[in-house]
Amino acid sequence: LHWETSPLELSRPNIKAEMHEWTSSLPPDKYEVSLTDTHIKISAKFLTDVPTLLIWAPKHPSPFTSLPTLVYSNGPWTKDNLVTAVEFFFQRNAYHPFAP
């Protein structure tokens, strides 16, 4: 998930502490939080943890004024993520009208 941030929001003196408190319920072994000059991003390390992140976000409103945007990645997929991506591909395409 990705939130745009304004320079005014980023200039708050305790912004890093606010971010840490806001994301403290996310296990660091499953999610990565990053802050740049223009946005904050929370990334799931494994595709199977994305649904939990999507459930978490509305229950924990961000300290920023913008709404979150879901950003998908095209890979590269490895290990467990590769298996999940392949399963998703075949599940999705099996329901395609032109699937055999």
PDB file of N, CA and C in Angstrom:
ATOM      1  N   LEU A   1       0.842  -1.168   0.000  1.00  0.00           N
ATOM      2  CA  LEU A   1       0.000   0.000   0.000  1.00  0.00           C
ATOM      3  C   LEU A   1       0.885   1.228   0.000  1.00  0.00           C
ATOM      4  N   HIS A   2       0.381   2.276  -0.591  1.00  0.00           N
ATOM      5  CA  HIS A   2       1.174   3.477  -0.841  1.00  0.00           C
ATOM      6  C   HIS A   2       0.317   4.694  -0.475  1.00  0.00           C
ATOM      7  N   TRP A   3       0.832   5.591   0.350  1.00  0.00           N
ATOM      8  CA  TRP A   3       0.154   6.835   0.701  1.00  0.00           C
ATOM      9  C   TRP A   3       1.017   8.001   0.245  1.00  0.00           C
ATOM     10  N   GLU A   4       0.431   8.919  -0.505  1.00  0.00           N
ATOM     11  CA  GLU A   4       1.142  10.146  -0.872  1.00  0.00           C
ATOM     12  C   GLU A   4       1.241  11.025   0.379  1.00  0.00           C
ATOM     13  N   THR A   5       2.342  11.736   0.506  1.00  0.00           N
ATOM     14  CA  THR A   5       2.521  12.634   1.644  1.00  0.00           C
ATOM     15  C   THR A   5       2.910  14.014   1.141  1.00  0.00           C
ATOM     16  N   SER A   6       2.493  15.010   1.874  1.00  0.00           N
ATOM     17  CA  SER A   6       2.831  16.383   1.510  1.00  0.00           C
ATOM     18  C   SER A   6       4.064  16.822   2.304  1.00  0.00           C
ATOM     19  N   PRO A   7       4.760  17.841   1.823  1.00  0.00           N
ATOM     20  CA  PRO A   7       5.908  18.360   2.584  1.00  0.00           C
ATOM     21  C   PRO A   7       5.501  18.834   3.982  1.00  0.00           C
ATOM     22  N   LEU A   8       4.292  19.367   4.102  1.00  0.00           N
ATOM     23  CA  LEU A   8       3.812  19.825   5.410  1.00  0.00           C
ATOM     24  C   LEU A   8       3.668  18.649   6.378  1.00  0.00           C
ATOM     25  N   GLU A   9       3.104  17.537   5.885  1.00  0.00           N
ATOM     26  CA  GLU A   9       2.967  16.353   6.736  1.00  0.00           C
ATOM     27  C   GLU A   9       4.334  15.820   7.157  1.00  0.00           C
ATOM     28  N   LEU A  10       5.265  15.792   6.224  1.00  0.00           N
ATOM     29  CA  LEU A  10       6.597  15.262   6.516  1.00  0.00           C
ATOM     30  C   LEU A  10       7.421  16.171   7.416  1.00  0.00           C
ATOM     31  N   SER A  11       7.025  17.434   7.517  1.00  0.00           N
ATOM     32  CA  SER A  11       7.786  18.370   8.351  1.00  0.00           C
ATOM     33  C   SER A  11       7.376  18.303   9.827  1.00  0.00           C
ATOM     34  N   ARG A  12       6.352  17.521  10.153  1.00  0.00           N
ATOM     35  CA  ARG A  12       5.962  17.391  11.560  1.00  0.00           C
ATOM     36  C   ARG A  12       7.140  16.817  12.347  1.00  0.00           C
ATOM     37  N   PRO A  13       7.411  17.351  13.534  1.00  0.00           N
ATOM     38  CA  PRO A  13       8.611  16.934  14.272  1.00  0.00           C
ATOM     39  C   PRO A  13       8.629  15.460  14.679  1.00  0.00           C
ATOM     40  N   ASN A  14       7.483  14.862  14.909  1.00  0.00           N
ATOM     41  CA  ASN A  14       7.450  13.480  15.391  1.00  0.00           C
ATOM     42  C   ASN A  14       6.938  12.504  14.344  1.00  0.00           C
ATOM     43  N   ILE A  15       7.134  12.792  13.086  1.00  0.00           N
ATOM     44  CA  ILE A  15       6.559  11.965  12.026  1.00  0.00           C
ATOM     45  C   ILE A  15       7.051  10.516  12.085  1.00  0.00           C
ATOM     46  N   LYS A  16       8.314  10.305  12.345  1.00  0.00           N
ATOM     47  CA  LYS A  16       8.831   8.926  12.410  1.00  0.00           C
ATOM     48  C   LYS A  16       8.237   8.172  13.595  1.00  0.00           C
ATOM     49  N   ALA A  17       8.061   8.844  14.727  1.00  0.00           N
ATOM     50  CA  ALA A  17       7.441   8.204  15.892  1.00  0.00           C
ATOM     51  C   ALA A  17       5.974   7.881  15.603  1.00  0.00           C
ATOM     52  N   GLU A  18       5.277   8.792  14.900  1.00  0.00           N
ATOM     53  CA  GLU A  18       3.889   8.538  14.515  1.00  0.00           C
ATOM     54  C   GLU A  18       3.797   7.314  13.603  1.00  0.00           C
ATOM     55  N   MET A  19       4.694   7.250  12.637  1.00  0.00           N
ATOM     56  CA  MET A  19       4.710   6.104  11.720  1.00  0.00           C
ATOM     57  C   MET A  19       4.972   4.806  12.467  1.00  0.00           C
ATOM     58  N   HIS A  20       5.935   4.839  13.373  1.00  0.00           N
ATOM     59  CA  HIS A  20       6.273   3.634  14.128  1.00  0.00           C
ATOM     60  C   HIS A  20       5.078   3.166  14.966  1.00  0.00           C
ATOM     61  N   GLU A  21       4.416   4.109  15.634  1.00  0.00           N
ATOM     62  CA  GLU A  21       3.249   3.750  16.437  1.00  0.00           C
ATOM     63  C   GLU A  21       2.126   3.211  15.552  1.00  0.00           C
ATOM     64  N   TRP A  22       1.898   3.858  14.421  1.00  0.00           N
ATOM     65  CA  TRP A  22       0.829   3.466  13.499  1.00  0.00           C
ATOM     66  C   TRP A  22       1.044   2.048  12.962  1.00  0.00           C
ATOM     67  N   THR A  23       2.284   1.705  12.647  1.00  0.00           N
ATOM     68  CA  THR A  23       2.575   0.399  12.028  1.00  0.00           C
ATOM     69  C   THR A  23       3.057  -0.654  13.032  1.00  0.00           C
ATOM     70  N   SER A  24       3.026  -0.339  14.318  1.00  0.00           N
ATOM     71  CA  SER A  24       3.592  -1.250  15.324  1.00  0.00           C
ATOM     72  C   SER A  24       2.882  -2.596  15.386  1.00  0.00           C
ATOM     73  N   SER A  25       1.645  -2.686  14.938  1.00  0.00           N
ATOM     74  CA  SER A  25       0.940  -3.967  14.991  1.00  0.00           C
ATOM     75  C   SER A  25       1.249  -4.866  13.792  1.00  0.00           C
ATOM     76  N   LEU A  26       2.037  -4.370  12.838  1.00  0.00           N
ATOM     77  CA  LEU A  26       2.439  -5.189  11.689  1.00  0.00           C
ATOM     78  C   LEU A  26       3.743  -5.910  12.009  1.00  0.00           C
ATOM     79  N   PRO A  27       3.772  -7.233  11.897  1.00  0.00           N
ATOM     80  CA  PRO A  27       5.012  -7.961  12.184  1.00  0.00           C
ATOM     81  C   PRO A  27       6.124  -7.594  11.185  1.00  0.00           C
ATOM     82  N   PRO A  28       7.286  -7.160  11.666  1.00  0.00           N
ATOM     83  CA  PRO A  28       8.363  -6.738  10.764  1.00  0.00           C
ATOM     84  C   PRO A  28       8.928  -7.863   9.901  1.00  0.00           C
ATOM     85  N   ASP A  29       8.694  -9.118  10.294  1.00  0.00           N
ATOM     86  CA  ASP A  29       9.181 -10.211   9.457  1.00  0.00           C
ATOM     87  C   ASP A  29       8.276 -10.443   8.239  1.00  0.00           C
ATOM     88  N   LYS A  30       7.084  -9.813   8.232  1.00  0.00           N
ATOM     89  CA  LYS A  30       6.151  -9.995   7.117  1.00  0.00           C
ATOM     90  C   LYS A  30       5.948  -8.736   6.281  1.00  0.00           C
ATOM     91  N   TYR A  31       6.248  -7.564   6.860  1.00  0.00           N
ATOM     92  CA  TYR A  31       5.971  -6.302   6.170  1.00  0.00           C
ATOM     93  C   TYR A  31       7.158  -5.361   6.267  1.00  0.00           C
ATOM     94  N   GLU A  32       7.330  -4.570   5.233  1.00  0.00           N
ATOM     95  CA  GLU A  32       8.409  -3.577   5.189  1.00  0.00           C
ATOM     96  C   GLU A  32       7.774  -2.199   5.052  1.00  0.00           C
ATOM     97  N   VAL A  33       8.178  -1.272   5.916  1.00  0.00           N
ATOM     98  CA  VAL A  33       7.650   0.086   5.903  1.00  0.00           C
ATOM     99  C   VAL A  33       8.758   1.026   5.446  1.00  0.00           C
ATOM    100  N   SER A  34       8.444   1.889   4.464  1.00  0.00           N
ATOM    101  CA  SER A  34       9.453   2.852   4.014  1.00  0.00           C
ATOM    102  C   SER A  34       8.822   4.229   3.854  1.00  0.00           C
ATOM    103  N   LEU A  35       9.610   5.251   4.138  1.00  0.00           N
ATOM    104  CA  LEU A  35       9.182   6.644   4.042  1.00  0.00           C
ATOM    105  C   LEU A  35      10.153   7.378   3.132  1.00  0.00           C
ATOM    106  N   THR A  36       9.609   8.093   2.149  1.00  0.00           N
ATOM    107  CA  THR A  36      10.439   8.910   1.262  1.00  0.00           C
ATOM    108  C   THR A  36       9.960  10.356   1.351  1.00  0.00           C
ATOM    109  N   ASP A  37      10.495  11.204   0.492  1.00  0.00           N
ATOM    110  CA  ASP A  37      10.089  12.613   0.470  1.00  0.00           C
ATOM    111  C   ASP A  37       8.680  12.805  -0.079  1.00  0.00           C
ATOM    112  N   THR A  38       8.112  11.782  -0.713  1.00  0.00           N
ATOM    113  CA  THR A  38       6.810  11.945  -1.352  1.00  0.00           C
ATOM    114  C   THR A  38       5.738  10.956  -0.905  1.00  0.00           C
ATOM    115  N   HIS A  39       6.148   9.873  -0.252  1.00  0.00           N
ATOM    116  CA  HIS A  39       5.151   8.856   0.112  1.00  0.00           C
ATOM    117  C   HIS A  39       5.649   7.938   1.219  1.00  0.00           C
ATOM    118  N   ILE A  40       4.681   7.204   1.775  1.00  0.00           N
ATOM    119  CA  ILE A  40       4.988   6.099   2.677  1.00  0.00           C
ATOM    120  C   ILE A  40       4.478   4.841   1.997  1.00  0.00           C
ATOM    121  N   LYS A  41       5.236   3.762   2.153  1.00  0.00           N
ATOM    122  CA  LYS A  41       4.863   2.513   1.512  1.00  0.00           C
ATOM    123  C   LYS A  41       4.983   1.380   2.519  1.00  0.00           C
ATOM    124  N   ILE A  42       3.950   0.525   2.557  1.00  0.00           N
ATOM    125  CA  ILE A  42       3.993  -0.696   3.353  1.00  0.00           C
ATOM    126  C   ILE A  42       3.891  -1.843   2.363  1.00  0.00           C
ATOM    127  N   SER A  43       4.912  -2.683   2.348  1.00  0.00           N
ATOM    128  CA  SER A  43       4.978  -3.801   1.405  1.00  0.00           C
ATOM    129  C   SER A  43       4.916  -5.121   2.149  1.00  0.00           C
ATOM    130  N   ALA A  44       4.116  -6.038   1.631  1.00  0.00           N
ATOM    131  CA  ALA A  44       4.105  -7.402   2.160  1.00  0.00           C
ATOM    132  C   ALA A  44       5.290  -8.139   1.548  1.00  0.00           C
ATOM    133  N   LYS A  45       6.028  -8.860   2.368  1.00  0.00           N
ATOM    134  CA  LYS A  45       7.186  -9.599   1.863  1.00  0.00           C
ATOM    135  C   LYS A  45       6.764 -10.859   1.131  1.00  0.00           C
ATOM    136  N   PHE A  46       5.566 -11.382   1.463  1.00  0.00           N
ATOM    137  CA  PHE A  46       5.044 -12.574   0.805  1.00  0.00           C
ATOM    138  C   PHE A  46       3.648 -12.278   0.296  1.00  0.00           C
ATOM    139  N   LEU A  47       3.334 -12.766  -0.887  1.00  0.00           N
ATOM    140  CA  LEU A  47       2.019 -12.516  -1.477  1.00  0.00           C
ATOM    141  C   LEU A  47       0.882 -13.000  -0.591  1.00  0.00           C
ATOM    142  N   THR A  48       1.107 -14.058   0.147  1.00  0.00           N
ATOM    143  CA  THR A  48       0.050 -14.600   1.000  1.00  0.00           C
ATOM    144  C   THR A  48      -0.290 -13.674   2.170  1.00  0.00           C
ATOM    145  N   ASP A  49       0.547 -12.669   2.444  1.00  0.00           N
ATOM    146  CA  ASP A  49       0.283 -11.720   3.525  1.00  0.00           C
ATOM    147  C   ASP A  49      -0.428 -10.457   3.058  1.00  0.00           C
ATOM    148  N   VAL A  50      -0.667 -10.323   1.758  1.00  0.00           N
ATOM    149  CA  VAL A  50      -1.353  -9.140   1.236  1.00  0.00           C
ATOM    150  C   VAL A  50      -2.786  -9.031   1.764  1.00  0.00           C
ATOM    151  N   PRO A  51      -3.581 -10.113   1.790  1.00  0.00           N
ATOM    152  CA  PRO A  51      -4.952  -9.965   2.323  1.00  0.00           C
ATOM    153  C   PRO A  51      -4.986  -9.429   3.750  1.00  0.00           C
ATOM    154  N   THR A  52      -4.059  -9.864   4.583  1.00  0.00           N
ATOM    155  CA  THR A  52      -4.003  -9.368   5.964  1.00  0.00           C
ATOM    156  C   THR A  52      -3.703  -7.873   5.987  1.00  0.00           C
ATOM    157  N   LEU A  53      -2.827  -7.424   5.114  1.00  0.00           N
ATOM    158  CA  LEU A  53      -2.512  -5.991   5.019  1.00  0.00           C
ATOM    159  C   LEU A  53      -3.738  -5.192   4.581  1.00  0.00           C
ATOM    160  N   LEU A  54      -4.493  -5.744   3.651  1.00  0.00           N
ATOM    161  CA  LEU A  54      -5.699  -5.056   3.173  1.00  0.00           C
ATOM    162  C   LEU A  54      -6.778  -4.989   4.252  1.00  0.00           C
ATOM    163  N   ILE A  55      -6.809  -5.949   5.134  1.00  0.00           N
ATOM    164  CA  ILE A  55      -7.750  -5.924   6.264  1.00  0.00           C
ATOM    165  C   ILE A  55      -7.250  -4.957   7.333  1.00  0.00           C
ATOM    166  N   TRP A  56      -5.931  -4.909   7.530  1.00  0.00           N
ATOM    167  CA  TRP A  56      -5.324  -4.053   8.555  1.00  0.00           C
ATOM    168  C   TRP A  56      -5.527  -2.563   8.246  1.00  0.00           C
ATOM    169  N   ALA A  57      -5.347  -2.176   7.001  1.00  0.00           N
ATOM    170  CA  ALA A  57      -5.328  -0.752   6.631  1.00  0.00           C
ATOM    171  C   ALA A  57      -6.583   0.023   7.046  1.00  0.00           C
ATOM    172  N   PRO A  58      -7.795  -0.443   6.767  1.00  0.00           N
ATOM    173  CA  PRO A  58      -8.973   0.335   7.185  1.00  0.00           C
ATOM    174  C   PRO A  58      -9.163   0.383   8.704  1.00  0.00           C
ATOM    175  N   LYS A  59      -8.640  -0.610   9.409  1.00  0.00           N
ATOM    176  CA  LYS A  59      -8.777  -0.636  10.864  1.00  0.00           C
ATOM    177  C   LYS A  59      -7.773   0.270  11.558  1.00  0.00           C
ATOM    178  N   HIS A  60      -6.726   0.686  10.841  1.00  0.00           N
ATOM    179  CA  HIS A  60      -5.671   1.536  11.392  1.00  0.00           C
ATOM    180  C   HIS A  60      -5.472   2.737  10.468  1.00  0.00           C
ATOM    181  N   PRO A  61      -6.332   3.753  10.580  1.00  0.00           N
ATOM    182  CA  PRO A  61      -6.216   4.911   9.691  1.00  0.00           C
ATOM    183  C   PRO A  61      -4.836   5.558   9.775  1.00  0.00           C
ATOM    184  N   SER A  62      -4.340   5.977   8.631  1.00  0.00           N
ATOM    185  CA  SER A  62      -2.995   6.552   8.577  1.00  0.00           C
ATOM    186  C   SER A  62      -2.977   7.965   9.140  1.00  0.00           C
ATOM    187  N   PRO A  63      -1.809   8.425   9.566  1.00  0.00           N
ATOM    188  CA  PRO A  63      -1.687   9.808  10.036  1.00  0.00           C
ATOM    189  C   PRO A  63      -1.584  10.806   8.880  1.00  0.00           C
ATOM    190  N   PHE A  64      -1.761  10.335   7.646  1.00  0.00           N
ATOM    191  CA  PHE A  64      -1.649  11.191   6.469  1.00  0.00           C
ATOM    192  C   PHE A  64      -3.038  11.482   5.894  1.00  0.00           C
ATOM    193  N   THR A  65      -3.147  12.550   5.146  1.00  0.00           N
ATOM    194  CA  THR A  65      -4.457  12.957   4.620  1.00  0.00           C
ATOM    195  C   THR A  65      -4.873  12.161   3.389  1.00  0.00           C
ATOM    196  N   SER A  66      -3.933  11.588   2.674  1.00  0.00           N
ATOM    197  CA  SER A  66      -4.291  10.863   1.453  1.00  0.00           C
ATOM    198  C   SER A  66      -4.813   9.468   1.778  1.00  0.00           C
ATOM    199  N   LEU A  67      -5.563   8.927   0.839  1.00  0.00           N
ATOM    200  CA  LEU A  67      -6.052   7.555   0.957  1.00  0.00           C
ATOM    201  C   LEU A  67      -5.001   6.609   0.392  1.00  0.00           C
ATOM    202  N   PRO A  68      -4.983   5.362   0.850  1.00  0.00           N
ATOM    203  CA  PRO A  68      -3.980   4.419   0.338  1.00  0.00           C
ATOM    204  C   PRO A  68      -4.285   3.993  -1.094  1.00  0.00           C
ATOM    205  N   THR A  69      -3.233   3.663  -1.808  1.00  0.00           N
ATOM    206  CA  THR A  69      -3.327   3.119  -3.155  1.00  0.00           C
ATOM    207  C   THR A  69      -2.680   1.746  -3.122  1.00  0.00           C
ATOM    208  N   LEU A  70      -3.354   0.772  -3.714  1.00  0.00           N
ATOM    209  CA  LEU A  70      -2.785  -0.567  -3.792  1.00  0.00           C
ATOM    210  C   LEU A  70      -1.891  -0.639  -5.016  1.00  0.00           C
ATOM    211  N   VAL A  71      -0.642  -1.019  -4.816  1.00  0.00           N
ATOM    212  CA  VAL A  71       0.327  -1.118  -5.899  1.00  0.00           C
ATOM    213  C   VAL A  71       0.767  -2.573  -6.018  1.00  0.00           C
ATOM    214  N   TYR A  72       0.582  -3.131  -7.205  1.00  0.00           N
ATOM    215  CA  TYR A  72       1.018  -4.513  -7.456  1.00  0.00           C
ATOM    216  C   TYR A  72       2.405  -4.495  -8.074  1.00  0.00           C
ATOM    217  N   SER A  73       3.143  -5.545  -7.837  1.00  0.00           N
ATOM    218  CA  SER A  73       4.465  -5.702  -8.425  1.00  0.00           C
ATOM    219  C   SER A  73       4.430  -6.856  -9.419  1.00  0.00           C
ATOM    220  N   ASN A  74       5.251  -6.773 -10.412  1.00  0.00           N
ATOM    221  CA  ASN A  74       5.330  -7.841 -11.404  1.00  0.00           C
ATOM    222  C   ASN A  74       6.434  -8.829 -11.093  1.00  0.00           C
ATOM    223  N   GLY A  75       6.996  -8.764  -9.945  1.00  0.00           N
ATOM    224  CA  GLY A  75       8.037  -9.726  -9.577  1.00  0.00           C
ATOM    225  C   GLY A  75       9.384  -9.036  -9.472  1.00  0.00           C
ATOM    226  N   PRO A  76      10.460  -9.737  -9.510  1.00  0.00           N
ATOM    227  CA  PRO A  76      10.585 -11.168  -9.792  1.00  0.00           C
ATOM    228  C   PRO A  76      10.098 -11.996  -8.613  1.00  0.00           C
ATOM    229  N   TRP A  77       9.423 -13.078  -8.907  1.00  0.00           N
ATOM    230  CA  TRP A  77       8.879 -13.948  -7.874  1.00  0.00           C
ATOM    231  C   TRP A  77       9.867 -15.067  -7.576  1.00  0.00           C
ATOM    232  N   THR A  78      10.068 -15.343  -6.305  1.00  0.00           N
ATOM    233  CA  THR A  78      10.955 -16.431  -5.888  1.00  0.00           C
ATOM    234  C   THR A  78      10.336 -17.172  -4.711  1.00  0.00           C
ATOM    235  N   LYS A  79      10.806 -18.359  -4.454  1.00  0.00           N
ATOM    236  CA  LYS A  79      10.411 -19.183  -3.307  1.00  0.00           C
ATOM    237  C   LYS A  79       8.888 -19.274  -3.192  1.00  0.00           C
ATOM    238  N   ASP A  80       8.348 -19.004  -2.005  1.00  0.00           N
ATOM    239  CA  ASP A  80       6.903 -19.132  -1.781  1.00  0.00           C
ATOM    240  C   ASP A  80       6.092 -18.174  -2.644  1.00  0.00           C
ATOM    241  N   ASN A  81       6.651 -16.996  -2.933  1.00  0.00           N
ATOM    242  CA  ASN A  81       5.942 -16.044  -3.769  1.00  0.00           C
ATOM    243  C   ASN A  81       5.752 -16.573  -5.185  1.00  0.00           C
ATOM    244  N   LEU A  82       6.705 -17.339  -5.684  1.00  0.00           N
ATOM    245  CA  LEU A  82       6.589 -17.912  -7.019  1.00  0.00           C
ATOM    246  C   LEU A  82       5.424 -18.900  -7.061  1.00  0.00           C
ATOM    247  N   VAL A  83       5.319 -19.748  -6.069  1.00  0.00           N
ATOM    248  CA  VAL A  83       4.224 -20.719  -6.016  1.00  0.00           C
ATOM    249  C   VAL A  83       2.883 -19.991  -5.952  1.00  0.00           C
ATOM    250  N   THR A  84       2.779 -18.973  -5.120  1.00  0.00           N
ATOM    251  CA  THR A  84       1.531 -18.216  -4.999  1.00  0.00           C
ATOM    252  C   THR A  84       1.182 -17.526  -6.306  1.00  0.00           C
ATOM    253  N   ALA A  85       2.163 -16.922  -6.968  1.00  0.00           N
ATOM    254  CA  ALA A  85       1.907 -16.242  -8.237  1.00  0.00           C
ATOM    255  C   ALA A  85       1.442 -17.219  -9.309  1.00  0.00           C
ATOM    256  N   VAL A  86       2.050 -18.387  -9.373  1.00  0.00           N
ATOM    257  CA  VAL A  86       1.648 -19.397 -10.364  1.00  0.00           C
ATOM    258  C   VAL A  86       0.241 -19.901 -10.063  1.00  0.00           C
ATOM    259  N   GLU A  87      -0.061 -20.172  -8.795  1.00  0.00           N
ATOM    260  CA  GLU A  87      -1.402 -20.615  -8.425  1.00  0.00           C
ATOM    261  C   GLU A  87      -2.441 -19.564  -8.806  1.00  0.00           C
ATOM    262  N   PHE A  88      -2.149 -18.308  -8.508  1.00  0.00           N
ATOM    263  CA  PHE A  88      -3.066 -17.228  -8.844  1.00  0.00           C
ATOM    264  C   PHE A  88      -3.278 -17.149 -10.348  1.00  0.00           C
ATOM    265  N   PHE A  89      -2.203 -17.263 -11.119  1.00  0.00           N
ATOM    266  CA  PHE A  89      -2.294 -17.206 -12.578  1.00  0.00           C
ATOM    267  C   PHE A  89      -3.228 -18.291 -13.108  1.00  0.00           C
ATOM    268  N   PHE A  90      -3.025 -19.530 -12.663  1.00  0.00           N
ATOM    269  CA  PHE A  90      -3.844 -20.623 -13.168  1.00  0.00           C
ATOM    270  C   PHE A  90      -5.281 -20.548 -12.662  1.00  0.00           C
ATOM    271  N   GLN A  91      -5.479 -20.111 -11.420  1.00  0.00           N
ATOM    272  CA  GLN A  91      -6.844 -19.957 -10.917  1.00  0.00           C
ATOM    273  C   GLN A  91      -7.594 -18.895 -11.699  1.00  0.00           C
ATOM    274  N   ARG A  92      -6.935 -17.804 -11.964  1.00  0.00           N
ATOM    275  CA  ARG A  92      -7.580 -16.706 -12.685  1.00  0.00           C
ATOM    276  C   ARG A  92      -7.860 -17.093 -14.132  1.00  0.00           C
ATOM    277  N   ASN A  93      -6.908 -17.726 -14.789  1.00  0.00           N
ATOM    278  CA  ASN A  93      -7.089 -18.071 -16.192  1.00  0.00           C
ATOM    279  C   ASN A  93      -8.022 -19.256 -16.396  1.00  0.00           C
ATOM    280  N   ALA A  94      -8.176 -20.097 -15.394  1.00  0.00           N
ATOM    281  CA  ALA A  94      -9.098 -21.230 -15.524  1.00  0.00           C
ATOM    282  C   ALA A  94     -10.537 -20.758 -15.619  1.00  0.00           C
ATOM    283  N   TYR A  95     -10.810 -19.564 -15.094  1.00  0.00           N
ATOM    284  CA  TYR A  95     -12.158 -19.013 -15.166  1.00  0.00           C
ATOM    285  C   TYR A  95     -12.371 -18.142 -16.389  1.00  0.00           C
ATOM    286  N   HIS A  96     -11.365 -18.008 -17.206  1.00  0.00           N
ATOM    287  CA  HIS A  96     -11.457 -17.197 -18.425  1.00  0.00           C
ATOM    288  C   HIS A  96     -12.421 -17.864 -19.398  1.00  0.00           C
ATOM    289  N   PRO A  97     -13.221 -17.084 -20.124  1.00  0.00           N
ATOM    290  CA  PRO A  97     -14.190 -17.694 -21.055  1.00  0.00           C
ATOM    291  C   PRO A  97     -13.556 -18.572 -22.117  1.00  0.00           C
ATOM    292  N   PHE A  98     -12.293 -18.346 -22.446  1.00  0.00           N
ATOM    293  CA  PHE A  98     -11.632 -19.133 -23.489  1.00  0.00           C
ATOM    294  C   PHE A  98     -10.726 -20.221 -22.926  1.00  0.00           C
ATOM    295  N   ALA A  99     -10.838 -20.498 -21.629  1.00  0.00           N
ATOM    296  CA  ALA A  99     -10.017 -21.554 -21.018  1.00  0.00           C
ATOM    297  C   ALA A  99     -10.503 -22.910 -21.527  1.00  0.00           C
ATOM    298  N   PRO A 100      -9.574 -23.855 -21.758  1.00  0.00           N
ATOM    299  CA  PRO A 100      -9.986 -25.162 -22.262  1.00  0.00           C
ATOM    300  C   PRO A 100     -10.746 -25.979 -21.249  1.00  0.00           C
TER     301      PRO A 100
END
